[in-house]
């Protein structure tokens, strides 16, 4: 697990542990004010990073893109900045953390645009279909 898929998977696990820990803390304290932070950790961190890992593992040609390393760093910096700033906003510091959240969101979008570029240029849609399967686009 040395490639970009492994890096994304390991990062996803860290986000999952952080999200679960925050969820348990909220439950024990009966203070759910950080629920949006919890959701961002789990979706942007755990789910997105794990899906990136799966795509890079299933389509090695995508992992060989020179943009893959850029994607890793930009997606992770964006997620981290967004999660921390959402936490700050939910703690009552919107004036300080609002603009930072915007930066994190933009970085996350750039990361997804890089991923989209990789997928659309490196992942082919023509694969051998099982014998007897209808061709894509057929109406039968």
N, C-alpha and C. Protein backbone atom coordinates (compact mmCIF):
# COMPACT_ATOMS: atom_id res chain seq x y z
N UNK A 1 0.84 -1.18 0.00
CA UNK A 1 0.00 0.00 0.00
C UNK A 1 0.89 1.24 0.00
N UNK A 2 1.63 1.43 -1.05
CA UNK A 2 2.55 2.54 -1.13
C UNK A 2 2.10 3.64 -2.07
N UNK A 3 1.10 3.39 -2.85
CA UNK A 3 0.68 4.36 -3.85
C UNK A 3 -0.29 5.39 -3.30
N UNK A 4 -0.80 6.18 -4.22
CA UNK A 4 -1.74 7.23 -3.86
C UNK A 4 -3.00 6.65 -3.25
N UNK A 5 -3.39 5.45 -3.68
CA UNK A 5 -4.56 4.79 -3.09
C UNK A 5 -4.34 4.51 -1.61
N UNK A 6 -3.16 4.07 -1.26
CA UNK A 6 -2.84 3.81 0.14
C UNK A 6 -2.81 5.07 0.98
N UNK A 7 -2.27 6.13 0.41
CA UNK A 7 -2.24 7.41 1.13
C UNK A 7 -3.65 7.91 1.41
N UNK A 8 -4.51 7.85 0.40
CA UNK A 8 -5.88 8.28 0.60
C UNK A 8 -6.60 7.39 1.61
N UNK A 9 -6.38 6.07 1.55
CA UNK A 9 -7.05 5.17 2.48
C UNK A 9 -6.61 5.41 3.92
N UNK A 10 -5.32 5.57 4.12
CA UNK A 10 -4.83 5.84 5.48
C UNK A 10 -5.36 7.16 6.01
N UNK A 11 -5.41 8.16 5.16
CA UNK A 11 -5.96 9.45 5.56
C UNK A 11 -7.45 9.31 5.89
N UNK A 12 -8.17 8.54 5.09
CA UNK A 12 -9.60 8.33 5.34
C UNK A 12 -9.83 7.71 6.71
N UNK A 13 -8.99 6.77 7.09
CA UNK A 13 -9.14 6.12 8.38
C UNK A 13 -8.93 7.12 9.52
N UNK A 14 -7.98 8.03 9.37
CA UNK A 14 -7.75 9.06 10.39
C UNK A 14 -8.99 9.94 10.52
N UNK A 15 -9.57 10.34 9.40
CA UNK A 15 -10.80 11.13 9.44
C UNK A 15 -11.94 10.34 10.10
N UNK A 16 -12.06 9.05 9.78
CA UNK A 16 -13.11 8.23 10.38
C UNK A 16 -12.96 8.18 11.90
N UNK A 17 -11.75 7.98 12.37
CA UNK A 17 -11.51 7.95 13.81
C UNK A 17 -11.83 9.29 14.46
N UNK A 18 -11.45 10.39 13.80
CA UNK A 18 -11.76 11.72 14.33
C UNK A 18 -13.27 11.95 14.36
N UNK A 19 -13.96 11.58 13.30
CA UNK A 19 -15.41 11.76 13.25
C UNK A 19 -16.13 10.93 14.29
N UNK A 20 -15.70 9.69 14.47
CA UNK A 20 -16.31 8.84 15.48
C UNK A 20 -16.04 9.37 16.88
N UNK A 21 -14.82 9.83 17.11
CA UNK A 21 -14.47 10.38 18.42
C UNK A 21 -15.32 11.60 18.74
N UNK A 22 -15.47 12.49 17.76
CA UNK A 22 -16.31 13.67 17.98
C UNK A 22 -17.75 13.26 18.24
N UNK A 23 -18.25 12.28 17.51
CA UNK A 23 -19.61 11.80 17.72
C UNK A 23 -19.81 11.24 19.12
N UNK A 24 -18.85 10.47 19.59
CA UNK A 24 -18.94 9.92 20.95
C UNK A 24 -18.87 11.04 21.98
N UNK A 25 -17.97 12.00 21.77
CA UNK A 25 -17.88 13.14 22.68
C UNK A 25 -19.20 13.89 22.75
N UNK A 26 -19.81 14.13 21.60
CA UNK A 26 -21.09 14.84 21.58
C UNK A 26 -22.16 14.05 22.34
N UNK A 27 -22.17 12.75 22.15
CA UNK A 27 -23.17 11.92 22.83
C UNK A 27 -22.96 11.94 24.34
N UNK A 28 -21.72 11.79 24.77
CA UNK A 28 -21.43 11.76 26.21
C UNK A 28 -21.71 13.10 26.89
N UNK A 29 -21.41 14.19 26.17
CA UNK A 29 -21.60 15.52 26.76
C UNK A 29 -23.03 16.04 26.58
N UNK A 30 -23.80 15.33 25.76
CA UNK A 30 -25.16 15.76 25.41
C UNK A 30 -25.16 17.16 24.79
N UNK A 31 -24.07 17.48 24.10
CA UNK A 31 -23.93 18.76 23.39
C UNK A 31 -23.67 18.44 21.93
N UNK A 32 -24.67 18.62 21.11
CA UNK A 32 -24.57 18.26 19.69
C UNK A 32 -24.35 19.48 18.79
N UNK A 33 -23.81 20.54 19.36
CA UNK A 33 -23.61 21.77 18.59
C UNK A 33 -22.56 21.62 17.50
N UNK A 34 -21.71 20.61 17.61
CA UNK A 34 -20.69 20.40 16.58
C UNK A 34 -21.12 19.37 15.53
N UNK A 35 -22.41 19.11 15.43
CA UNK A 35 -22.90 18.13 14.45
C UNK A 35 -22.47 18.47 13.02
N UNK A 36 -22.51 19.75 12.59
CA UNK A 36 -22.02 20.05 11.23
C UNK A 36 -20.53 19.72 11.05
N UNK A 37 -19.75 19.93 12.09
CA UNK A 37 -18.33 19.57 12.02
C UNK A 37 -18.19 18.06 11.88
N UNK A 38 -18.94 17.33 12.69
CA UNK A 38 -18.97 15.86 12.64
C UNK A 38 -19.33 15.38 11.23
N UNK A 39 -20.34 16.01 10.64
CA UNK A 39 -20.77 15.62 9.29
C UNK A 39 -19.68 15.91 8.26
N UNK A 40 -19.02 17.05 8.37
CA UNK A 40 -17.95 17.38 7.41
C UNK A 40 -16.76 16.43 7.55
N UNK A 41 -16.41 16.07 8.77
CA UNK A 41 -15.31 15.11 8.97
C UNK A 41 -15.66 13.79 8.31
N UNK A 42 -16.89 13.32 8.55
CA UNK A 42 -17.27 12.00 8.03
C UNK A 42 -17.46 11.98 6.51
N UNK A 43 -18.05 13.03 5.96
CA UNK A 43 -18.33 13.01 4.52
C UNK A 43 -17.14 13.48 3.69
N UNK A 44 -16.61 14.63 4.03
CA UNK A 44 -15.49 15.16 3.24
C UNK A 44 -14.20 14.40 3.55
N UNK A 45 -14.04 14.01 4.81
CA UNK A 45 -12.83 13.30 5.21
C UNK A 45 -12.91 11.81 4.95
N UNK A 46 -13.71 11.12 5.73
CA UNK A 46 -13.77 9.67 5.65
C UNK A 46 -14.33 9.18 4.31
N UNK A 47 -15.54 9.60 3.94
CA UNK A 47 -16.18 9.05 2.75
C UNK A 47 -15.46 9.45 1.46
N UNK A 48 -15.17 10.74 1.29
CA UNK A 48 -14.52 11.18 0.05
C UNK A 48 -13.12 10.58 -0.11
N UNK A 49 -12.33 10.62 0.97
CA UNK A 49 -10.97 10.09 0.87
C UNK A 49 -10.98 8.59 0.60
N UNK A 50 -11.92 7.86 1.22
CA UNK A 50 -12.02 6.42 0.98
C UNK A 50 -12.44 6.14 -0.47
N UNK A 51 -13.35 6.95 -1.00
CA UNK A 51 -13.76 6.77 -2.39
C UNK A 51 -12.63 7.10 -3.36
N UNK A 52 -11.87 8.15 -3.05
CA UNK A 52 -10.71 8.45 -3.88
C UNK A 52 -9.75 7.25 -3.88
N UNK A 53 -9.52 6.68 -2.70
CA UNK A 53 -8.63 5.53 -2.59
C UNK A 53 -9.12 4.37 -3.46
N UNK A 54 -10.42 4.11 -3.40
CA UNK A 54 -10.99 3.00 -4.18
C UNK A 54 -10.83 3.23 -5.68
N UNK A 55 -11.08 4.45 -6.13
CA UNK A 55 -10.95 4.75 -7.56
C UNK A 55 -9.50 4.58 -8.00
N UNK A 56 -8.58 5.11 -7.22
CA UNK A 56 -7.17 4.98 -7.60
C UNK A 56 -6.71 3.52 -7.58
N UNK A 57 -7.28 2.70 -6.71
CA UNK A 57 -6.92 1.28 -6.66
C UNK A 57 -7.53 0.52 -7.83
N UNK A 58 -8.79 0.83 -8.14
CA UNK A 58 -9.48 0.11 -9.21
C UNK A 58 -9.03 0.53 -10.61
N UNK A 59 -8.58 1.77 -10.76
CA UNK A 59 -8.11 2.27 -12.04
C UNK A 59 -6.68 2.78 -11.88
N UNK A 60 -5.70 1.89 -11.93
CA UNK A 60 -4.30 2.29 -11.73
C UNK A 60 -3.83 3.36 -12.71
N UNK A 61 -4.45 3.44 -13.87
CA UNK A 61 -4.08 4.49 -14.82
C UNK A 61 -4.39 5.87 -14.26
N UNK A 62 -5.42 5.97 -13.44
CA UNK A 62 -5.73 7.24 -12.79
C UNK A 62 -4.65 7.58 -11.76
N UNK A 63 -4.19 6.58 -11.04
CA UNK A 63 -3.16 6.79 -10.02
C UNK A 63 -1.83 7.24 -10.65
N UNK A 64 -1.62 6.89 -11.90
CA UNK A 64 -0.38 7.29 -12.58
C UNK A 64 -0.41 8.71 -13.13
N UNK A 65 -1.53 9.39 -12.98
CA UNK A 65 -1.62 10.77 -13.45
C UNK A 65 -0.67 11.67 -12.65
N UNK A 66 0.01 12.58 -13.33
CA UNK A 66 0.85 13.53 -12.59
C UNK A 66 0.03 14.45 -11.68
N UNK A 67 -1.27 14.52 -11.90
CA UNK A 67 -2.14 15.35 -11.06
C UNK A 67 -2.55 14.65 -9.77
N UNK A 68 -2.32 13.34 -9.66
CA UNK A 68 -2.80 12.58 -8.49
C UNK A 68 -2.19 13.10 -7.19
N UNK A 69 -0.91 13.40 -7.18
CA UNK A 69 -0.28 13.91 -5.95
C UNK A 69 -0.84 15.28 -5.59
N UNK A 70 -1.04 16.13 -6.59
CA UNK A 70 -1.66 17.43 -6.35
C UNK A 70 -3.05 17.25 -5.77
N UNK A 71 -3.78 16.30 -6.33
CA UNK A 71 -5.12 16.01 -5.84
C UNK A 71 -5.08 15.63 -4.36
N UNK A 72 -4.16 14.74 -3.99
CA UNK A 72 -4.05 14.31 -2.60
C UNK A 72 -3.85 15.49 -1.66
N UNK A 73 -2.87 16.32 -1.96
CA UNK A 73 -2.54 17.42 -1.05
C UNK A 73 -3.62 18.49 -1.02
N UNK A 74 -4.14 18.86 -2.16
CA UNK A 74 -5.17 19.91 -2.18
C UNK A 74 -6.46 19.42 -1.51
N UNK A 75 -6.86 18.19 -1.78
CA UNK A 75 -8.07 17.65 -1.15
C UNK A 75 -7.92 17.58 0.36
N UNK A 76 -6.76 17.18 0.83
CA UNK A 76 -6.56 17.06 2.27
C UNK A 76 -6.42 18.40 2.97
N UNK A 77 -5.71 19.32 2.37
CA UNK A 77 -5.61 20.66 2.97
C UNK A 77 -6.99 21.30 2.98
N UNK A 78 -7.72 21.18 1.89
CA UNK A 78 -9.07 21.75 1.83
C UNK A 78 -9.98 21.15 2.89
N UNK A 79 -9.95 19.82 3.02
CA UNK A 79 -10.81 19.16 4.02
C UNK A 79 -10.43 19.59 5.43
N UNK A 80 -9.16 19.61 5.73
CA UNK A 80 -8.72 19.97 7.07
C UNK A 80 -9.08 21.42 7.41
N UNK A 81 -8.82 22.33 6.47
CA UNK A 81 -9.15 23.74 6.69
C UNK A 81 -10.65 23.91 6.87
N UNK A 82 -11.44 23.24 6.05
CA UNK A 82 -12.89 23.37 6.14
C UNK A 82 -13.42 22.79 7.45
N UNK A 83 -12.95 21.63 7.84
CA UNK A 83 -13.42 20.99 9.08
C UNK A 83 -13.08 21.85 10.30
N UNK A 84 -11.85 22.32 10.37
CA UNK A 84 -11.45 23.15 11.52
C UNK A 84 -12.25 24.44 11.55
N UNK A 85 -12.45 25.06 10.40
CA UNK A 85 -13.18 26.32 10.38
C UNK A 85 -14.67 26.13 10.66
N UNK A 86 -15.26 25.04 10.21
CA UNK A 86 -16.66 24.76 10.56
C UNK A 86 -16.76 24.57 12.08
N UNK A 87 -15.77 23.90 12.67
CA UNK A 87 -15.74 23.76 14.12
C UNK A 87 -15.70 25.12 14.81
N UNK A 88 -14.88 26.03 14.28
CA UNK A 88 -14.80 27.38 14.84
C UNK A 88 -16.11 28.14 14.70
N UNK A 89 -16.74 28.00 13.56
CA UNK A 89 -18.04 28.65 13.34
C UNK A 89 -19.07 28.12 14.33
N UNK A 90 -19.11 26.80 14.49
CA UNK A 90 -20.09 26.20 15.39
C UNK A 90 -19.80 26.52 16.85
N UNK A 91 -18.56 26.91 17.15
CA UNK A 91 -18.21 27.32 18.51
C UNK A 91 -18.55 28.79 18.76
N UNK A 92 -19.11 29.45 17.74
CA UNK A 92 -19.55 30.82 17.92
C UNK A 92 -18.60 31.89 17.41
N UNK A 93 -17.67 31.51 16.55
CA UNK A 93 -16.69 32.46 16.04
C UNK A 93 -16.80 32.62 14.52
N UNK A 94 -18.01 32.82 14.06
CA UNK A 94 -18.26 32.88 12.62
C UNK A 94 -17.47 34.00 11.95
N UNK A 95 -17.35 35.14 12.61
CA UNK A 95 -16.65 36.28 12.00
C UNK A 95 -15.19 35.95 11.72
N UNK A 96 -14.58 35.14 12.56
CA UNK A 96 -13.17 34.77 12.36
C UNK A 96 -13.02 33.59 11.41
N UNK A 97 -13.89 32.60 11.55
CA UNK A 97 -13.72 31.35 10.81
C UNK A 97 -14.50 31.29 9.50
N UNK A 98 -15.47 32.18 9.30
CA UNK A 98 -16.26 32.16 8.06
C UNK A 98 -15.41 32.27 6.81
N UNK A 99 -14.52 33.27 6.72
CA UNK A 99 -13.68 33.39 5.52
C UNK A 99 -12.74 32.20 5.34
N UNK A 100 -12.28 31.65 6.45
CA UNK A 100 -11.38 30.49 6.37
C UNK A 100 -12.15 29.28 5.85
N UNK A 101 -13.41 29.15 6.28
CA UNK A 101 -14.26 28.06 5.76
C UNK A 101 -14.43 28.20 4.25
N UNK A 102 -14.58 29.43 3.79
CA UNK A 102 -14.69 29.66 2.34
C UNK A 102 -13.45 29.19 1.61
N UNK A 103 -12.28 29.49 2.17
CA UNK A 103 -11.02 29.02 1.57
C UNK A 103 -10.97 27.50 1.53
N UNK A 104 -11.36 26.86 2.64
CA UNK A 104 -11.37 25.39 2.68
C UNK A 104 -12.32 24.80 1.66
N UNK A 105 -13.48 25.43 1.50
CA UNK A 105 -14.46 24.95 0.52
C UNK A 105 -13.92 25.09 -0.90
N UNK A 106 -13.26 26.21 -1.18
CA UNK A 106 -12.70 26.42 -2.52
C UNK A 106 -11.58 25.41 -2.79
N UNK A 107 -10.72 25.17 -1.81
CA UNK A 107 -9.66 24.17 -1.98
C UNK A 107 -10.26 22.78 -2.20
N UNK A 108 -11.32 22.46 -1.46
CA UNK A 108 -11.98 21.16 -1.64
C UNK A 108 -12.58 21.04 -3.03
N UNK A 109 -13.16 22.12 -3.53
CA UNK A 109 -13.71 22.11 -4.89
C UNK A 109 -12.59 21.94 -5.92
N UNK A 110 -11.48 22.63 -5.73
CA UNK A 110 -10.34 22.48 -6.64
C UNK A 110 -9.86 21.03 -6.63
N UNK A 111 -9.81 20.43 -5.43
CA UNK A 111 -9.43 19.02 -5.34
C UNK A 111 -10.37 18.13 -6.13
N UNK A 112 -11.67 18.39 -6.04
CA UNK A 112 -12.63 17.59 -6.79
C UNK A 112 -12.52 17.85 -8.29
N UNK A 113 -12.23 19.08 -8.67
CA UNK A 113 -12.03 19.37 -10.09
C UNK A 113 -10.80 18.64 -10.63
N UNK A 114 -9.74 18.57 -9.84
CA UNK A 114 -8.57 17.79 -10.25
C UNK A 114 -8.94 16.32 -10.40
N UNK A 115 -9.70 15.80 -9.44
CA UNK A 115 -10.13 14.41 -9.50
C UNK A 115 -10.99 14.17 -10.74
N UNK A 116 -11.90 15.09 -11.02
CA UNK A 116 -12.74 14.96 -12.21
C UNK A 116 -11.88 14.94 -13.47
N UNK A 117 -10.88 15.80 -13.52
CA UNK A 117 -9.98 15.83 -14.67
C UNK A 117 -9.25 14.50 -14.82
N UNK A 118 -8.79 13.96 -13.72
CA UNK A 118 -8.10 12.67 -13.76
C UNK A 118 -9.04 11.57 -14.24
N UNK A 119 -10.24 11.54 -13.67
CA UNK A 119 -11.20 10.50 -14.05
C UNK A 119 -11.58 10.59 -15.52
N UNK A 120 -11.84 11.81 -16.00
CA UNK A 120 -12.28 11.97 -17.39
C UNK A 120 -11.16 11.77 -18.40
N UNK A 121 -9.91 11.90 -17.98
CA UNK A 121 -8.81 11.71 -18.94
C UNK A 121 -8.12 10.35 -18.79
N UNK A 122 -8.28 9.70 -17.66
CA UNK A 122 -7.54 8.46 -17.41
C UNK A 122 -8.38 7.21 -17.26
N UNK A 123 -9.66 7.37 -16.96
CA UNK A 123 -10.52 6.21 -16.73
C UNK A 123 -11.36 5.99 -17.97
N UNK A 124 -11.08 4.90 -18.66
CA UNK A 124 -11.82 4.60 -19.88
C UNK A 124 -13.20 4.04 -19.55
N UNK A 125 -14.10 4.19 -20.47
CA UNK A 125 -15.44 3.65 -20.30
C UNK A 125 -15.66 2.39 -21.12
N UNK A 126 -14.66 2.01 -21.89
CA UNK A 126 -14.81 0.79 -22.69
C UNK A 126 -14.11 -0.34 -21.97
N UNK A 127 -14.89 -1.27 -21.53
CA UNK A 127 -14.39 -2.49 -20.90
C UNK A 127 -15.16 -3.64 -21.51
N UNK A 128 -14.57 -4.79 -21.45
CA UNK A 128 -15.25 -5.97 -21.98
C UNK A 128 -16.49 -6.25 -21.14
N UNK A 129 -17.62 -6.41 -21.80
CA UNK A 129 -18.86 -6.74 -21.12
C UNK A 129 -18.99 -8.26 -21.03
N UNK A 130 -19.68 -8.75 -20.02
CA UNK A 130 -19.91 -10.20 -19.94
C UNK A 130 -20.63 -10.70 -21.19
N UNK A 131 -20.36 -11.94 -21.56
CA UNK A 131 -20.99 -12.52 -22.74
C UNK A 131 -22.50 -12.47 -22.61
N UNK A 132 -23.15 -11.94 -23.65
CA UNK A 132 -24.61 -11.84 -23.67
C UNK A 132 -25.16 -10.57 -23.06
N UNK A 133 -24.30 -9.75 -22.45
CA UNK A 133 -24.78 -8.50 -21.86
C UNK A 133 -25.09 -7.50 -22.95
N UNK A 134 -26.16 -6.71 -22.79
CA UNK A 134 -26.46 -5.71 -23.82
C UNK A 134 -25.40 -4.61 -23.79
N UNK A 135 -25.14 -4.05 -24.96
CA UNK A 135 -24.19 -2.96 -25.05
C UNK A 135 -24.74 -1.74 -24.34
N UNK A 136 -23.83 -0.91 -23.85
CA UNK A 136 -24.28 0.33 -23.20
C UNK A 136 -25.06 1.14 -24.20
N UNK A 137 -26.15 1.68 -23.75
CA UNK A 137 -26.97 2.52 -24.61
C UNK A 137 -28.04 1.76 -25.36
N UNK A 138 -28.03 0.42 -25.28
CA UNK A 138 -29.08 -0.31 -25.98
C UNK A 138 -30.36 -0.26 -25.16
N UNK A 139 -31.47 -0.35 -25.84
CA UNK A 139 -32.77 -0.20 -25.20
C UNK A 139 -33.42 -1.55 -24.96
N UNK A 140 -32.83 -2.59 -25.40
CA UNK A 140 -33.45 -3.93 -25.27
C UNK A 140 -33.79 -4.26 -23.87
